[in-house]
N, C-alpha and C. Protein backbone atom coordinates (compact mmCIF):
# COMPACT_ATOMS: atom_id res chain seq x y z
N UNK A 1 -8.96 12.79 -5.65
CA UNK A 1 -7.87 11.96 -5.06
C UNK A 1 -8.08 10.78 -3.98
N UNK A 2 -7.51 9.74 -3.44
CA UNK A 2 -7.61 8.77 -2.75
C UNK A 2 -5.89 8.88 -2.00
N UNK A 3 -6.06 8.30 -0.86
CA UNK A 3 -4.86 7.96 0.05
C UNK A 3 -4.53 6.26 0.11
N UNK A 4 -3.22 6.41 0.08
CA UNK A 4 -2.08 4.83 0.34
C UNK A 4 -1.91 5.24 1.60
N UNK A 5 -1.56 4.03 2.42
CA UNK A 5 -0.84 4.19 3.64
C UNK A 5 0.81 3.75 3.33
N UNK A 6 1.56 4.41 3.58
CA UNK A 6 2.92 4.22 3.16
C UNK A 6 3.26 3.74 4.66
N UNK A 7 4.79 3.46 4.71
CA UNK A 7 5.62 2.88 5.91
C UNK A 7 7.12 3.09 5.45
N UNK A 8 7.95 3.69 5.72
CA UNK A 8 9.55 3.67 5.20
C UNK A 8 10.21 2.28 5.39
N UNK A 9 9.40 1.30 6.29
CA UNK A 9 10.51 -0.08 6.24
C UNK A 9 9.43 -0.83 5.34
N UNK A 10 8.41 -0.86 5.49
CA UNK A 10 7.34 -2.11 4.93
C UNK A 10 6.59 -1.56 3.62
N UNK A 11 6.91 -0.31 2.84
CA UNK A 11 6.64 0.40 1.66
C UNK A 11 5.19 0.45 1.55
N UNK A 12 4.50 0.19 0.92
CA UNK A 12 3.16 0.86 0.40
C UNK A 12 2.20 -0.77 0.76
N UNK A 13 0.99 0.05 1.62
CA UNK A 13 -0.17 -1.06 1.92
C UNK A 13 -0.58 -1.71 0.87
N UNK A 14 -0.88 -2.76 0.85
CA UNK A 14 -1.63 -3.50 -0.26
C UNK A 14 -2.86 -4.20 -0.09
N UNK A 15 -2.84 -4.62 1.14
CA UNK A 15 -4.21 -5.01 2.07
C UNK A 15 -3.97 -5.59 2.45
N UNK A 16 -4.85 -6.80 2.80
CA UNK A 16 -4.51 -7.76 3.47
C UNK A 16 -5.71 -9.00 3.68
N UNK A 17 -5.22 -10.17 4.47
CA UNK A 17 -5.99 -11.58 3.96
C UNK A 17 -5.55 -12.37 5.06
N UNK A 18 -6.79 -12.99 5.76
CA UNK A 18 -6.43 -13.57 6.83
C UNK A 18 -5.62 -13.09 7.80
N UNK A 19 -5.99 -12.23 8.13
CA UNK A 19 -5.39 -11.66 8.98
C UNK A 19 -3.85 -11.16 8.75
N UNK A 20 -3.58 -11.29 7.68
CA UNK A 20 -1.64 -11.23 7.17
C UNK A 20 -1.82 -9.66 6.45
N UNK A 21 -1.09 -8.60 6.93
CA UNK A 21 -0.69 -7.62 5.59
C UNK A 21 0.03 -7.61 5.30
N UNK A 22 -0.51 -7.17 3.78
CA UNK A 22 0.61 -7.24 2.80
C UNK A 22 1.40 -5.77 2.40
N UNK A 23 2.88 -5.62 1.98
CA UNK A 23 3.28 -4.55 1.97
C UNK A 23 4.30 -4.90 0.88
N UNK A 24 4.32 -3.85 0.18
CA UNK A 24 5.47 -4.08 -1.09
C UNK A 24 6.71 -4.09 -0.76
N UNK A 25 7.64 -3.65 0.28
CA UNK A 25 9.06 -3.59 0.61
C UNK A 25 9.00 -5.22 1.35
N UNK A 26 7.75 -5.84 1.68
CA UNK A 26 8.04 -7.23 2.28
C UNK A 26 7.91 -8.14 1.56
N UNK A 27 6.47 -8.17 0.90
CA UNK A 27 5.89 -9.23 -0.13
C UNK A 27 4.83 -8.66 -0.72
N UNK A 28 5.15 -8.30 -1.83
CA UNK A 28 3.99 -7.54 -2.53
C UNK A 28 2.91 -8.85 -3.39
N UNK A 29 3.46 -9.78 -3.51
CA UNK A 29 2.02 -10.99 -3.58
C UNK A 29 1.77 -10.84 -5.12
N UNK A 30 2.31 -10.40 -5.67
CA UNK A 30 1.70 -10.08 -7.13
C UNK A 30 0.71 -9.23 -7.40
N UNK A 31 0.35 -8.34 -6.66
CA UNK A 31 -0.66 -7.50 -6.33
C UNK A 31 -0.35 -6.20 -7.91
N UNK A 32 -1.17 -5.79 -8.18
CA UNK A 32 -1.09 -4.98 -9.41
C UNK A 32 -1.76 -3.72 -8.98
N UNK A 33 -1.82 -3.41 -7.49
CA UNK A 33 -2.69 -2.35 -7.64
C UNK A 33 -2.46 -1.76 -5.68
N UNK A 34 -2.62 -1.08 -5.13
CA UNK A 34 -2.55 -0.85 -3.81
C UNK A 34 -4.17 -0.36 -2.89
N UNK A 35 -4.36 -1.10 -1.81
CA UNK A 35 -5.58 -0.53 -1.25
C UNK A 35 -5.17 0.79 -1.01
N UNK A 36 -6.40 1.65 -1.23
CA UNK A 36 -6.66 2.98 -1.14
C UNK A 36 -7.89 3.62 -0.72
N UNK A 37 -8.08 4.67 0.07
CA UNK A 37 -8.66 5.23 1.10
C UNK A 37 -9.30 6.63 0.59
N UNK A 38 -10.66 6.51 1.13
CA UNK A 38 -10.95 8.52 0.51
C UNK A 38 -10.53 9.07 1.34
N UNK A 39 -9.94 9.11 2.58
CA UNK A 39 -9.02 9.70 3.24
C UNK A 39 -8.15 9.74 4.38
N UNK A 40 -7.72 10.07 4.41
CA UNK A 40 -6.44 9.91 5.95
C UNK A 40 -7.32 9.14 7.08
N UNK A 41 -8.65 10.14 7.52
CA UNK A 41 -9.46 9.63 8.69
C UNK A 41 -9.46 8.14 8.59
N UNK A 42 -10.24 7.66 7.37
CA UNK A 42 -10.63 6.30 7.09
C UNK A 42 -9.32 5.48 6.93
N UNK A 43 -8.06 6.14 6.48
CA UNK A 43 -6.69 5.07 6.72
C UNK A 43 -6.59 4.97 7.88
N UNK A 44 -6.39 5.87 9.10
CA UNK A 44 -6.03 5.98 10.10
C UNK A 44 -7.16 4.32 10.92
N UNK A 45 -8.14 4.78 10.79
CA UNK A 45 -9.78 3.59 11.02
C UNK A 45 -9.08 2.51 10.88
N UNK A 46 -8.66 2.04 9.61
CA UNK A 46 -8.49 1.02 8.90
C UNK A 46 -7.08 0.43 9.77
N UNK A 47 -6.06 1.18 10.18
CA UNK A 47 -4.80 1.04 10.89
C UNK A 47 -4.97 0.64 12.57
N UNK A 48 -5.93 1.31 12.94
CA UNK A 48 -6.44 1.33 14.74
C UNK A 48 -7.20 -0.19 14.51
N UNK A 49 -7.84 -0.84 13.19
CA UNK A 49 -7.79 -2.30 13.54
C UNK A 49 -7.35 -3.34 13.46
N UNK A 50 -6.01 -3.08 13.05
CA UNK A 50 -5.01 -4.00 13.16
C UNK A 50 -4.92 -4.42 14.83
N UNK A 51 -4.11 -6.00 14.77
CA UNK A 51 -4.06 -6.21 16.41
C UNK A 51 -2.68 -6.17 16.40
N UNK A 52 -1.79 -5.90 15.06
CA UNK A 52 -0.19 -5.19 15.54
C UNK A 52 0.26 -4.40 15.18
N UNK A 53 0.95 -3.52 15.30
CA UNK A 53 1.36 -2.22 14.69
C UNK A 53 0.23 -1.01 14.10
N UNK A 54 -0.64 -1.34 15.09
CA UNK A 54 -2.34 -0.17 14.73
C UNK A 54 -1.79 1.31 15.29
N UNK A 55 -1.05 1.90 15.24
CA UNK A 55 -0.83 3.32 15.67
C UNK A 55 -0.83 4.01 14.81
N UNK A 56 -1.13 4.68 14.15
CA UNK A 56 -1.65 5.02 13.08
C UNK A 56 -0.45 6.68 12.78
N UNK A 57 0.24 6.97 13.87
CA UNK A 57 1.33 7.83 13.77
C UNK A 57 2.13 7.53 13.31
N UNK A 58 2.48 6.16 13.36
CA UNK A 58 3.64 5.48 12.46
C UNK A 58 3.68 5.49 10.99
N UNK A 59 2.69 5.76 10.42
CA UNK A 59 2.42 5.97 8.74
C UNK A 59 2.24 7.14 8.74
N UNK A 60 2.37 6.92 6.92
CA UNK A 60 2.51 8.23 6.19
C UNK A 60 1.26 7.79 4.96
N UNK A 61 0.55 9.03 4.90
CA UNK A 61 -0.85 8.71 4.18
C UNK A 61 -0.83 9.91 2.62
N UNK A 62 -0.28 9.50 1.84
CA UNK A 62 -0.43 9.65 0.69
C UNK A 62 -1.52 9.79 -0.65
N UNK A 63 -1.23 11.21 -0.78
CA UNK A 63 -2.29 11.14 -1.76
C UNK A 63 -2.09 10.28 -3.01
N UNK A 64 -3.25 10.29 -4.01
CA UNK A 64 -2.53 9.52 -5.24
C UNK A 64 -4.06 9.67 -6.27
N UNK A 65 -3.95 9.52 -7.41
CA UNK A 65 -5.26 9.46 -8.49
C UNK A 65 -5.60 8.30 -8.31
N UNK A 66 -4.84 6.96 -8.17
CA UNK A 66 -5.57 5.60 -8.01
C UNK A 66 -4.24 4.85 -7.12
N UNK A 67 -4.79 3.39 -6.60
CA UNK A 67 -4.18 2.44 -6.49
C UNK A 67 -3.33 1.98 -7.14
N UNK A 68 -3.22 2.45 -8.36
CA UNK A 68 -2.65 1.21 -9.50
C UNK A 68 -0.50 1.48 -10.05
N UNK A 69 -0.43 0.57 -10.51
CA UNK A 69 1.04 0.87 -10.51
C UNK A 69 1.62 2.44 -10.80
N UNK A 70 1.07 2.74 -11.96
CA UNK A 70 1.07 3.99 -12.86
C UNK A 70 0.97 4.70 -12.03
N UNK A 71 -0.04 4.74 -11.15
CA UNK A 71 -0.37 6.52 -10.19
C UNK A 71 0.77 6.45 -9.03
N UNK A 72 0.67 5.17 -8.61
CA UNK A 72 2.08 4.82 -7.55
C UNK A 72 3.28 5.80 -8.15
N UNK A 73 3.41 5.25 -9.10
CA UNK A 73 4.70 6.31 -9.66
C UNK A 73 4.93 7.69 -9.99
N UNK A 74 3.64 8.02 -10.27
CA UNK A 74 3.09 9.33 -10.25
C UNK A 74 3.15 10.18 -9.10
N UNK A 75 2.72 9.36 -7.78
CA UNK A 75 2.89 10.20 -7.00
C UNK A 75 4.05 10.17 -6.47
N UNK A 76 5.35 9.73 -7.15
CA UNK A 76 6.93 9.58 -6.40
C UNK A 76 7.34 8.38 -5.48
N UNK A 77 6.52 7.30 -5.33
CA UNK A 77 6.20 6.44 -4.52
C UNK A 77 6.99 5.02 -5.25
N UNK A 78 8.27 5.21 -6.29
CA UNK A 78 8.45 4.04 -7.00
C UNK A 78 9.80 3.56 -6.23
N UNK A 79 10.14 4.49 -5.19
CA UNK A 79 11.02 3.48 -3.93
C UNK A 79 11.01 2.63 -2.75
N UNK A 80 9.21 2.92 -3.07
CA UNK A 80 8.58 1.87 -1.93
C UNK A 80 8.04 1.20 -2.50
N UNK A 81 7.94 0.84 -3.78
CA UNK A 81 7.48 -0.15 -4.59
C UNK A 81 7.94 -0.91 -4.82
N UNK A 82 9.14 -1.34 -4.05
CA UNK A 82 9.88 -2.95 -4.27
C UNK A 82 9.75 -3.85 -5.29
N UNK A 83 9.07 -4.92 -4.88
CA UNK A 83 8.97 -5.93 -6.13
C UNK A 83 7.71 -6.03 -6.99
N UNK A 84 7.28 -4.91 -6.55
CA UNK A 84 5.39 -5.06 -6.89
C UNK A 84 5.24 -5.05 -8.53
N UNK A 85 5.87 -4.20 -9.23
CA UNK A 85 6.01 -4.39 -10.80
C UNK A 85 6.03 -5.36 -11.04
N UNK A 86 7.38 -6.23 -11.04
CA UNK A 86 8.13 -7.75 -11.34
C UNK A 86 6.94 -8.60 -10.70
N UNK A 87 6.86 -8.67 -9.54
CA UNK A 87 5.93 -9.69 -9.29
C UNK A 87 4.42 -9.55 -10.01
N UNK A 88 3.73 -8.59 -10.29
CA UNK A 88 2.75 -8.08 -11.10
C UNK A 88 2.80 -8.61 -12.20
N UNK A 89 3.78 -8.24 -12.94
CA UNK A 89 4.25 -8.77 -14.67
C UNK A 89 4.04 -10.63 -14.34
N UNK A 90 4.80 -11.08 -13.42
CA UNK A 90 5.20 -12.55 -13.48
C UNK A 90 3.90 -13.39 -12.90
N UNK A 91 2.44 -12.44 -12.15
CA UNK A 91 1.76 -13.20 -11.65
C UNK A 91 0.71 -12.72 -12.88
N UNK A 92 0.73 -11.94 -13.81
CA UNK A 92 -0.38 -11.71 -14.86
C UNK A 92 -0.84 -10.52 -14.31
N UNK A 93 -0.71 -10.05 -13.49
CA UNK A 93 -1.78 -8.53 -13.00
C UNK A 93 -1.65 -7.38 -13.90
N UNK A 94 -0.42 -7.70 -14.61
CA UNK A 94 -0.16 -6.33 -15.54
C UNK A 94 0.24 -6.13 -16.99
């Protein structure tokens, strides 16, 4: 199993680029999968490296089979997916 980072207001963590974090409930930017980590400790370390909102205790760590849309749904995370599916289809990621 792998771990995804979630937040009740921002959704599922998708990754970052140029210092900006991307989340499913804010702007999924067409990403067809979430960033995964091998365990919660690795996810906590990653959060601690952020310049802002870097308190690991403010996030949840959910076990998933993978970061794919299907695996996120299977893990019961559909309510946190926002426009992820529609955007991934629109941008050709699914």
